[in-house]
Amino acid sequence: MKFPYGSTKVRGVNLGGWFVLEPWITPSIFENSGSDTIVDEYTLTKELGKAEARKRLTDHWNSWITESDFYQIKRAGLNHVRIPIGYWSVYPINGDPYVQGAYDVLGKALDWANNAGLKVMIDLHGGKHYVSSIE
């Protein structure tokens, strides 16, 4: 169903910290890492290794936001959710240490939002910057 933009106010909430880790949103992930040099998902995966990072991140992705949260958001009178996600979850680049799995959970989130009657704004929050030169 199409949202009547322009005639209905957008009321939404950001679901930050779910697919793009930030220490100020999800401090427990960083506090429990055992390292002072882990500051984001890149360094988490690089330092812990892919197997341990995948385990921790999969647990996080499957518990930080759940289907019931979407219904709570709707009951609170909101009609939109913003979901930040990093490029590495959508289009991994060889050599990056990231693990995969968040994109699959994003797919579930889209179904959950639809079932709850919410619209989704997907924010490609972490983008890869490329520099090219013209010769």
N, C-alpha and C. Protein backbone atom coordinates (compact mmCIF):
# COMPACT_ATOMS: atom_id res chain seq x y z
N MET A 1 0.84 -1.17 0.00
CA MET A 1 0.00 0.00 0.00
C MET A 1 0.89 1.25 0.00
N LYS A 2 0.55 2.17 -0.85
CA LYS A 2 1.33 3.39 -0.99
C LYS A 2 1.05 4.34 0.17
N PHE A 3 2.10 4.98 0.68
CA PHE A 3 1.95 5.93 1.78
C PHE A 3 1.61 7.30 1.20
N PRO A 4 0.64 7.99 1.79
CA PRO A 4 0.23 9.30 1.26
C PRO A 4 1.16 10.44 1.68
N TYR A 5 2.39 10.42 1.15
CA TYR A 5 3.34 11.49 1.45
C TYR A 5 2.74 12.82 1.00
N GLY A 6 2.96 13.84 1.78
CA GLY A 6 2.43 15.16 1.46
C GLY A 6 1.11 15.45 2.16
N SER A 7 0.35 14.40 2.49
CA SER A 7 -0.92 14.63 3.18
C SER A 7 -0.95 13.97 4.56
N THR A 8 0.00 13.07 4.81
CA THR A 8 0.09 12.40 6.12
C THR A 8 1.49 12.60 6.65
N LYS A 9 1.56 12.96 7.91
CA LYS A 9 2.86 13.22 8.53
C LYS A 9 3.64 11.91 8.70
N VAL A 10 4.91 11.95 8.36
CA VAL A 10 5.79 10.81 8.58
C VAL A 10 6.22 10.85 10.04
N ARG A 11 5.95 9.78 10.75
CA ARG A 11 6.37 9.65 12.15
C ARG A 11 7.17 8.35 12.24
N GLY A 12 8.44 8.50 12.58
CA GLY A 12 9.27 7.31 12.53
C GLY A 12 10.30 7.24 13.64
N VAL A 13 11.01 6.14 13.61
CA VAL A 13 12.06 5.88 14.57
C VAL A 13 13.24 5.24 13.83
N ASN A 14 14.43 5.54 14.32
CA ASN A 14 15.65 4.98 13.76
C ASN A 14 15.98 3.67 14.48
N LEU A 15 16.25 2.62 13.75
CA LEU A 15 16.65 1.34 14.34
C LEU A 15 18.16 1.20 14.27
N GLY A 16 18.86 2.23 14.73
CA GLY A 16 20.32 2.24 14.73
C GLY A 16 20.91 1.21 15.67
N GLY A 17 22.13 0.85 15.37
CA GLY A 17 22.85 -0.12 16.19
C GLY A 17 22.54 -1.56 15.85
N TRP A 18 21.65 -1.77 14.91
CA TRP A 18 21.27 -3.14 14.56
C TRP A 18 22.22 -3.72 13.52
N PHE A 19 22.34 -3.06 12.39
CA PHE A 19 23.19 -3.56 11.31
C PHE A 19 24.46 -2.74 11.10
N VAL A 20 24.53 -1.58 11.71
CA VAL A 20 25.74 -0.77 11.71
C VAL A 20 26.06 -0.52 13.19
N LEU A 21 27.10 -1.17 13.67
CA LEU A 21 27.44 -1.07 15.09
C LEU A 21 28.09 0.27 15.39
N GLU A 22 27.64 0.88 16.47
CA GLU A 22 28.25 2.11 16.95
C GLU A 22 28.36 2.00 18.46
N PRO A 23 29.54 2.26 19.00
CA PRO A 23 29.76 2.06 20.44
C PRO A 23 28.79 2.81 21.34
N TRP A 24 28.32 3.95 20.92
CA TRP A 24 27.41 4.73 21.77
C TRP A 24 26.00 4.16 21.76
N ILE A 25 25.66 3.31 20.77
CA ILE A 25 24.33 2.68 20.72
C ILE A 25 24.38 1.28 21.33
N THR A 26 25.43 0.55 21.01
CA THR A 26 25.56 -0.84 21.49
C THR A 26 26.86 -1.03 22.26
N PRO A 27 27.01 -0.32 23.37
CA PRO A 27 28.28 -0.40 24.10
C PRO A 27 28.63 -1.79 24.60
N SER A 28 27.63 -2.62 24.90
CA SER A 28 27.92 -3.95 25.45
C SER A 28 28.72 -4.82 24.48
N ILE A 29 28.49 -4.66 23.20
CA ILE A 29 29.25 -5.44 22.21
C ILE A 29 30.73 -5.10 22.29
N PHE A 30 31.03 -3.84 22.51
CA PHE A 30 32.41 -3.39 22.55
C PHE A 30 33.05 -3.63 23.92
N GLU A 31 32.26 -3.44 24.97
CA GLU A 31 32.77 -3.67 26.33
C GLU A 31 33.11 -5.13 26.56
N ASN A 32 32.39 -6.03 25.94
CA ASN A 32 32.61 -7.47 26.11
C ASN A 32 33.59 -8.05 25.10
N SER A 33 34.25 -7.20 24.35
CA SER A 33 35.15 -7.70 23.30
C SER A 33 36.52 -8.10 23.83
N GLY A 34 36.90 -7.56 24.99
CA GLY A 34 38.20 -7.88 25.55
C GLY A 34 39.33 -7.07 24.96
N SER A 35 38.99 -6.03 24.17
CA SER A 35 40.02 -5.22 23.54
C SER A 35 39.61 -3.75 23.52
N ASP A 36 40.57 -2.88 23.78
CA ASP A 36 40.30 -1.44 23.72
C ASP A 36 40.40 -0.90 22.30
N THR A 37 40.89 -1.70 21.37
CA THR A 37 41.06 -1.23 20.00
C THR A 37 39.87 -1.55 19.11
N ILE A 38 38.88 -2.26 19.62
CA ILE A 38 37.69 -2.57 18.84
C ILE A 38 36.72 -1.41 18.98
N VAL A 39 36.47 -0.72 17.86
CA VAL A 39 35.62 0.47 17.88
C VAL A 39 34.45 0.42 16.90
N ASP A 40 34.44 -0.61 16.04
CA ASP A 40 33.37 -0.74 15.06
C ASP A 40 33.35 -2.19 14.56
N GLU A 41 32.47 -2.47 13.62
CA GLU A 41 32.35 -3.84 13.12
C GLU A 41 33.61 -4.29 12.38
N TYR A 42 34.26 -3.38 11.70
CA TYR A 42 35.49 -3.69 10.98
C TYR A 42 36.55 -4.21 11.94
N THR A 43 36.81 -3.43 12.99
CA THR A 43 37.86 -3.84 13.94
C THR A 43 37.41 -5.02 14.80
N LEU A 44 36.12 -5.14 15.05
CA LEU A 44 35.61 -6.30 15.79
C LEU A 44 35.92 -7.58 15.03
N THR A 45 35.59 -7.60 13.76
CA THR A 45 35.81 -8.79 12.94
C THR A 45 37.29 -9.05 12.71
N LYS A 46 38.04 -7.99 12.50
CA LYS A 46 39.47 -8.14 12.26
C LYS A 46 40.18 -8.71 13.49
N GLU A 47 39.80 -8.24 14.67
CA GLU A 47 40.49 -8.69 15.90
C GLU A 47 39.99 -10.03 16.42
N LEU A 48 38.68 -10.27 16.35
CA LEU A 48 38.13 -11.51 16.90
C LEU A 48 38.20 -12.67 15.91
N GLY A 49 38.33 -12.36 14.64
CA GLY A 49 38.28 -13.40 13.62
C GLY A 49 36.85 -13.59 13.15
N LYS A 50 36.70 -14.11 11.93
CA LYS A 50 35.38 -14.21 11.33
C LYS A 50 34.44 -15.14 12.08
N ALA A 51 34.93 -16.26 12.58
CA ALA A 51 34.05 -17.22 13.25
C ALA A 51 33.44 -16.61 14.52
N GLU A 52 34.26 -16.01 15.36
CA GLU A 52 33.75 -15.42 16.59
C GLU A 52 32.89 -14.19 16.31
N ALA A 53 33.31 -13.39 15.35
CA ALA A 53 32.53 -12.20 14.99
C ALA A 53 31.17 -12.62 14.44
N ARG A 54 31.14 -13.65 13.59
CA ARG A 54 29.87 -14.12 13.02
C ARG A 54 28.93 -14.58 14.14
N LYS A 55 29.47 -15.30 15.12
CA LYS A 55 28.64 -15.78 16.24
C LYS A 55 28.06 -14.60 17.00
N ARG A 56 28.90 -13.65 17.39
CA ARG A 56 28.42 -12.51 18.17
C ARG A 56 27.45 -11.63 17.38
N LEU A 57 27.78 -11.39 16.12
CA LEU A 57 26.92 -10.53 15.31
C LEU A 57 25.59 -11.22 14.99
N THR A 58 25.62 -12.50 14.70
CA THR A 58 24.37 -13.23 14.44
C THR A 58 23.47 -13.18 15.66
N ASP A 59 24.03 -13.39 16.84
CA ASP A 59 23.25 -13.27 18.07
C ASP A 59 22.64 -11.87 18.19
N HIS A 60 23.44 -10.87 17.91
CA HIS A 60 22.97 -9.48 17.99
C HIS A 60 21.88 -9.21 16.96
N TRP A 61 22.11 -9.58 15.70
CA TRP A 61 21.13 -9.32 14.65
C TRP A 61 19.79 -9.98 14.94
N ASN A 62 19.84 -11.15 15.58
CA ASN A 62 18.61 -11.89 15.84
C ASN A 62 17.93 -11.51 17.16
N SER A 63 18.52 -10.60 17.92
CA SER A 63 17.91 -10.25 19.20
C SER A 63 17.75 -8.75 19.44
N TRP A 64 18.54 -7.91 18.80
CA TRP A 64 18.51 -6.46 19.05
C TRP A 64 17.13 -5.88 18.72
N ILE A 65 16.60 -6.24 17.56
CA ILE A 65 15.25 -5.86 17.13
C ILE A 65 14.57 -7.16 16.71
N THR A 66 13.32 -7.33 17.14
CA THR A 66 12.57 -8.54 16.79
C THR A 66 11.24 -8.15 16.14
N GLU A 67 10.53 -9.12 15.66
CA GLU A 67 9.25 -8.85 15.02
C GLU A 67 8.30 -8.11 15.95
N SER A 68 8.30 -8.46 17.22
CA SER A 68 7.39 -7.80 18.15
C SER A 68 7.70 -6.31 18.30
N ASP A 69 8.94 -5.91 18.08
CA ASP A 69 9.29 -4.49 18.15
C ASP A 69 8.56 -3.68 17.08
N PHE A 70 8.37 -4.27 15.92
CA PHE A 70 7.67 -3.56 14.85
C PHE A 70 6.21 -3.30 15.23
N TYR A 71 5.59 -4.26 15.88
CA TYR A 71 4.22 -4.06 16.34
C TYR A 71 4.15 -3.02 17.45
N GLN A 72 5.15 -3.00 18.32
CA GLN A 72 5.21 -1.98 19.37
C GLN A 72 5.37 -0.59 18.76
N ILE A 73 6.18 -0.50 17.74
CA ILE A 73 6.40 0.77 17.05
C ILE A 73 5.08 1.26 16.45
N LYS A 74 4.35 0.36 15.81
CA LYS A 74 3.06 0.71 15.22
C LYS A 74 2.06 1.14 16.30
N ARG A 75 2.01 0.40 17.40
CA ARG A 75 1.10 0.74 18.51
C ARG A 75 1.44 2.10 19.13
N ALA A 76 2.68 2.51 19.03
CA ALA A 76 3.10 3.80 19.56
C ALA A 76 2.66 4.96 18.65
N GLY A 77 2.07 4.63 17.52
CA GLY A 77 1.56 5.66 16.62
C GLY A 77 2.51 6.06 15.51
N LEU A 78 3.58 5.30 15.35
CA LEU A 78 4.54 5.61 14.28
C LEU A 78 4.15 4.88 13.00
N ASN A 79 4.65 5.39 11.87
CA ASN A 79 4.32 4.77 10.59
C ASN A 79 5.55 4.44 9.74
N HIS A 80 6.73 4.79 10.22
CA HIS A 80 7.98 4.53 9.48
C HIS A 80 9.08 4.03 10.42
N VAL A 81 9.98 3.24 9.88
CA VAL A 81 11.22 2.90 10.56
C VAL A 81 12.36 3.18 9.59
N ARG A 82 13.45 3.65 10.12
CA ARG A 82 14.68 3.87 9.35
C ARG A 82 15.66 2.79 9.77
N ILE A 83 16.18 2.07 8.80
CA ILE A 83 17.11 0.98 9.10
C ILE A 83 18.44 1.25 8.41
N PRO A 84 19.45 1.67 9.18
CA PRO A 84 20.79 1.84 8.61
C PRO A 84 21.44 0.47 8.36
N ILE A 85 22.15 0.36 7.25
CA ILE A 85 22.89 -0.86 6.93
C ILE A 85 24.16 -0.45 6.18
N GLY A 86 25.21 -1.20 6.37
CA GLY A 86 26.49 -0.88 5.72
C GLY A 86 26.62 -1.56 4.36
N TYR A 87 27.46 -0.97 3.51
CA TYR A 87 27.69 -1.54 2.18
C TYR A 87 28.13 -3.00 2.28
N TRP A 88 28.91 -3.32 3.32
CA TRP A 88 29.48 -4.65 3.48
C TRP A 88 28.43 -5.72 3.68
N SER A 89 27.24 -5.32 4.11
CA SER A 89 26.15 -6.28 4.28
C SER A 89 25.44 -6.55 2.97
N VAL A 90 25.50 -5.59 2.06
CA VAL A 90 24.81 -5.69 0.79
C VAL A 90 25.75 -6.17 -0.31
N TYR A 91 26.92 -5.59 -0.33
CA TYR A 91 27.88 -5.88 -1.39
C TYR A 91 29.28 -5.99 -0.79
N PRO A 92 29.63 -7.19 -0.28
CA PRO A 92 30.94 -7.34 0.34
C PRO A 92 32.07 -7.15 -0.67
N ILE A 93 33.15 -6.59 -0.20
CA ILE A 93 34.32 -6.35 -1.05
C ILE A 93 35.44 -7.25 -0.58
N ASN A 94 36.08 -7.92 -1.53
CA ASN A 94 37.20 -8.80 -1.20
C ASN A 94 38.25 -8.04 -0.40
N GLY A 95 38.71 -8.68 0.65
CA GLY A 95 39.72 -8.08 1.49
C GLY A 95 39.16 -7.41 2.74
N ASP A 96 37.88 -7.04 2.72
CA ASP A 96 37.27 -6.49 3.92
C ASP A 96 37.02 -7.63 4.90
N PRO A 97 37.16 -7.40 6.19
CA PRO A 97 37.03 -8.49 7.16
C PRO A 97 35.59 -8.80 7.56
N TYR A 98 34.62 -8.09 7.05
CA TYR A 98 33.24 -8.23 7.50
C TYR A 98 32.68 -9.64 7.27
N VAL A 99 31.70 -10.00 8.11
CA VAL A 99 30.99 -11.26 7.94
C VAL A 99 29.60 -10.96 7.39
N GLN A 100 29.03 -11.94 6.73
CA GLN A 100 27.72 -11.78 6.11
C GLN A 100 26.62 -12.33 7.01
N GLY A 101 25.41 -11.85 6.78
CA GLY A 101 24.25 -12.33 7.51
C GLY A 101 23.24 -11.24 7.81
N ALA A 102 23.69 -10.00 7.95
CA ALA A 102 22.79 -8.89 8.28
C ALA A 102 21.77 -8.67 7.17
N TYR A 103 22.18 -8.84 5.92
CA TYR A 103 21.28 -8.59 4.79
C TYR A 103 20.09 -9.56 4.82
N ASP A 104 20.34 -10.79 5.23
CA ASP A 104 19.24 -11.76 5.34
C ASP A 104 18.25 -11.34 6.43
N VAL A 105 18.76 -10.82 7.53
CA VAL A 105 17.89 -10.36 8.62
C VAL A 105 17.14 -9.10 8.17
N LEU A 106 17.78 -8.26 7.38
CA LEU A 106 17.08 -7.10 6.82
C LEU A 106 15.87 -7.56 6.01
N GLY A 107 16.01 -8.62 5.27
CA GLY A 107 14.88 -9.17 4.51
C GLY A 107 13.72 -9.54 5.42
N LYS A 108 14.03 -10.16 6.55
CA LYS A 108 12.99 -10.49 7.54
C LYS A 108 12.36 -9.21 8.08
N ALA A 109 13.20 -8.21 8.36
CA ALA A 109 12.71 -6.95 8.91
C ALA A 109 11.72 -6.28 7.96
N LEU A 110 11.98 -6.37 6.67
CA LEU A 110 11.05 -5.78 5.69
C LEU A 110 9.69 -6.48 5.76
N ASP A 111 9.71 -7.79 5.91
CA ASP A 111 8.45 -8.55 6.07
C ASP A 111 7.75 -8.16 7.36
N TRP A 112 8.52 -8.05 8.45
CA TRP A 112 7.93 -7.69 9.74
C TRP A 112 7.29 -6.31 9.68
N ALA A 113 7.98 -5.36 9.06
CA ALA A 113 7.45 -4.01 8.93
C ALA A 113 6.17 -4.01 8.10
N ASN A 114 6.19 -4.72 7.01
CA ASN A 114 5.01 -4.80 6.16
C ASN A 114 3.83 -5.40 6.93
N ASN A 115 4.08 -6.47 7.66
CA ASN A 115 3.01 -7.11 8.43
C ASN A 115 2.46 -6.20 9.52
N ALA A 116 3.30 -5.33 10.05
CA ALA A 116 2.88 -4.41 11.10
C ALA A 116 2.26 -3.13 10.53
N GLY A 117 2.33 -2.95 9.21
CA GLY A 117 1.79 -1.75 8.59
C GLY A 117 2.72 -0.56 8.65
N LEU A 118 4.02 -0.82 8.64
CA LEU A 118 5.03 0.24 8.69
C LEU A 118 5.76 0.36 7.36
N LYS A 119 6.16 1.56 7.03
CA LYS A 119 7.01 1.81 5.87
C LYS A 119 8.46 1.82 6.34
N VAL A 120 9.38 1.47 5.45
CA VAL A 120 10.79 1.37 5.80
C VAL A 120 11.62 2.31 4.93
N MET A 121 12.51 3.03 5.58
CA MET A 121 13.51 3.83 4.88
C MET A 121 14.84 3.13 5.12
N ILE A 122 15.41 2.54 4.07
CA ILE A 122 16.71 1.88 4.20
C ILE A 122 17.78 2.93 3.97
N ASP A 123 18.69 3.02 4.92
CA ASP A 123 19.76 4.01 4.87
C ASP A 123 21.08 3.28 4.66
N LEU A 124 21.68 3.46 3.49
CA LEU A 124 23.01 2.90 3.26
C LEU A 124 23.97 3.78 4.06
N HIS A 125 24.09 3.44 5.33
CA HIS A 125 24.73 4.29 6.33
C HIS A 125 26.24 4.30 6.22
N GLY A 126 26.81 3.17 5.93
CA GLY A 126 28.26 3.09 5.77
C GLY A 126 28.55 2.79 4.32
N GLY A 127 29.01 3.76 3.58
CA GLY A 127 29.32 3.56 2.17
C GLY A 127 30.81 3.54 1.94
N LYS A 128 31.23 2.84 0.93
CA LYS A 128 32.64 2.75 0.57
C LYS A 128 32.98 3.92 -0.34
N HIS A 129 34.04 4.62 -0.01
CA HIS A 129 34.48 5.78 -0.77
C HIS A 129 35.57 5.33 -1.76
N TYR A 130 35.36 5.62 -3.00
CA TYR A 130 36.34 5.28 -4.02
C TYR A 130 36.94 6.56 -4.59
N VAL A 131 38.23 6.52 -4.81
CA VAL A 131 38.92 7.63 -5.45
C VAL A 131 39.51 7.10 -6.74
N SER A 132 39.23 7.76 -7.80
CA SER A 132 39.83 7.35 -9.07
C SER A 132 40.58 8.53 -9.66
N SER A 133 41.53 8.22 -10.47
CA SER A 133 42.27 9.30 -11.10
C SER A 133 42.08 9.21 -12.61
N ILE A 134 42.11 10.34 -13.22
CA ILE A 134 41.98 10.42 -14.69
C ILE A 134 43.40 10.60 -15.22
N GLU A 135 43.75 9.73 -16.13
CA GLU A 135 45.10 9.83 -16.69
C GLU A 135 45.08 10.41 -18.06
